[in-house]
Structure formats: structure tokens, C-alpha cells
Amino acid sequence: MISEFAPAKVNLSLHVVGRRPDGLHDLDSVVVFADVGDQVRLESFGPRKPDAAFSATFSGPFARALADILLAEDTPPLTIETALQRLSEVAGGGPESTEITLEKNLPIAAGIGGGSSDAAAALRAASRSWGLGMSEAALSRVGAAVGSDVPACVHARALRLRGAGEDIAPLAAWPAFDAVLANPGVATSTGDVFAAFRDAPTSQPSPGPPPQTRDRDEALRWLAHAGNDLEAAATRVTPSIGDALAALAAAPGCRLSRMSGSGATCFGLFDDAAAAAAAAAAVADARPAWWVTACRFGGAGGDV
């Protein structure tokens, strides 16, 4: 059995640069990956076949929520299965059958790339399990056919993401941060958030490229001017996002609080692990229904 970690993807900044004729939005975002996430395990059987079969079982605190979504009508296939099917097509077939076990630790529709990171982890695991030895670049091309965030999740380290997810530039230097993630327990539709954004756009000029630095204070100064253009729209769609942002901002030692992606998960940045742990405990105690965790965001090279 091959196991692969699927880290939470966090947008430290997110600017909506424009909209394409195909409806996709051009973005400019600094993305990092946390040391909390899902776990993907693959076990493959039999010879390689063009019509490889995949099956999935779920565990973890958000397994039931995921299963309920997949049982609903008109729900697309699990992103992991879609990714492995695409990889099988590119590789000219896969093992006769592959059993997927997904330990779902991240909340669903939370703005932290859970499904995309799961798919990317599955691609990395399958490349090893199937003996393909594919590079990150090759796996990213496969992932692009699955979802716009999957290529970034294949890289899983601090990067600048532009376009509709196809322009990926790993940061040569960027600091790690101790942080708290807080989700108010309400799934937020990306489509609804972008619709609200179109109705009342709140884009601000991009502060330009992020500094190539390992100095936290320098990075924080840049982040203070960077923002998330979708935050106001998402808060209109899901008002409890505002509660999460306020709770994090009020925590002692919080240097910056912001929403990730299209929500509803928000993050707070802290100077050290002790301050982050104390803040997480306080927020979780005040809001027991929320998903709250202290964690660390990796810097350049994925180091934490």
C-alpha cells in the first residue's frame, strides 16, 4: 500500500485580475501548504489494463459529509477517481483494480483545496505504485484536466499562482508561518461567491510580485497590502466568515487574519507555535461547532 499526504492549500493572498471569454477568472495568488490535511492510500492489484477499475472508501471526521455529497444526484465523480482515470489514460492503462482509502480530515467546500489536494496526492501515489516515475511537471499536466487547483497541489510548496491555475511559479524564498485555521462549519459554494463578486466587485490593485524573502516581517508587510478580493463577496454569501475573521483577529498575537480561497476557512498568522496553539484553543472553546486547528504553513521548498 502506498500512502501520500494531501495538505491543506491556503491562499495567503488572492486577486481577481480579469475574466476570460470561457468564464474562468484570471487570478494572482500566493499559495502555501499546511502541515494538516487528508491522507490518501492506494493499493493496486492485477496486471495493467486499459479499462482499469477504481473503488474508494472513506474514514476520518469528514468522511460522512463527503459520502453524503457523493450520494446526491448530479454530483460529479470523486476527484481522486477522476485523476486516476486520467492518469491511466495517459499511461496507456493502469492496474486491473485500485482500492483508494481516503482519510478525510479537512472540511468540505472550505476554500483550502481539499479535493484538489486529494487528487494531487493520488497522482503522486499512483506514479510510485504503478511504477511510472512521472515528474511533477508531467503529473501537473495530468492534473490540469481534473481541476484548475490540482497542478498547484501537485507541487505542494509555496508558490505564486496566476491565470486560471496554469501559471505556477514556486517561490525561491518565502518564510514558514505558525497559523490557525478556522472554519465556521458552513460549506461555501465557489460559484455563489464568484456570482456575488460579479454583482459587487471589490478588486484592488495587486501589490505586485511577492518579495523573495525568508523574513517574516517583510512578508507580512507585503501581505498586509495584498488582500483577498473574494473575501467581501464570500462574507455576503456566508456571514459567519466575518465571525471567523473577527475571532482570529482578536486572538492575542495574531499578526494577520484573512479568508483562504473562496471560503469559508479563514486563517490567522502568529509569531510562534505557542501563540498559535493558545489562539486555536481559545477560538475552539468559544466556538465548539467550528473546525479549528493550529498548524504551520510551509515556506519555499515546502519546509515547515
Foldseek 3Di string as FASTA:
>chain_A
DFKFFQFFKFFLFKFFPAADPVGFTKIKTKIFTWPDAKMKDKDFDADWDLPAEEDEDEAADCRVVVVVQVPDPPRDDQLQVVLVNLVQVVVVTFGNYMYMYMYGHDHPLFQRCRSLSNNLRSLVRRCVVRVVPDDLVVSLVSSVVRALQNSVSNQNHTWIATTSNPDTGFQPAEAKFWKKKKALQDRFDPVQLVVLCVVPWDGDDAPDDQDRYHDPVSRLVNSVPRAYRSQVSLCVVPVCLVVVQVLQVPQPAFSDKHAGGNRDMIMTTGDDNVSNVVSQVVVCVVRVNMDMDIIMIHHGPRHD
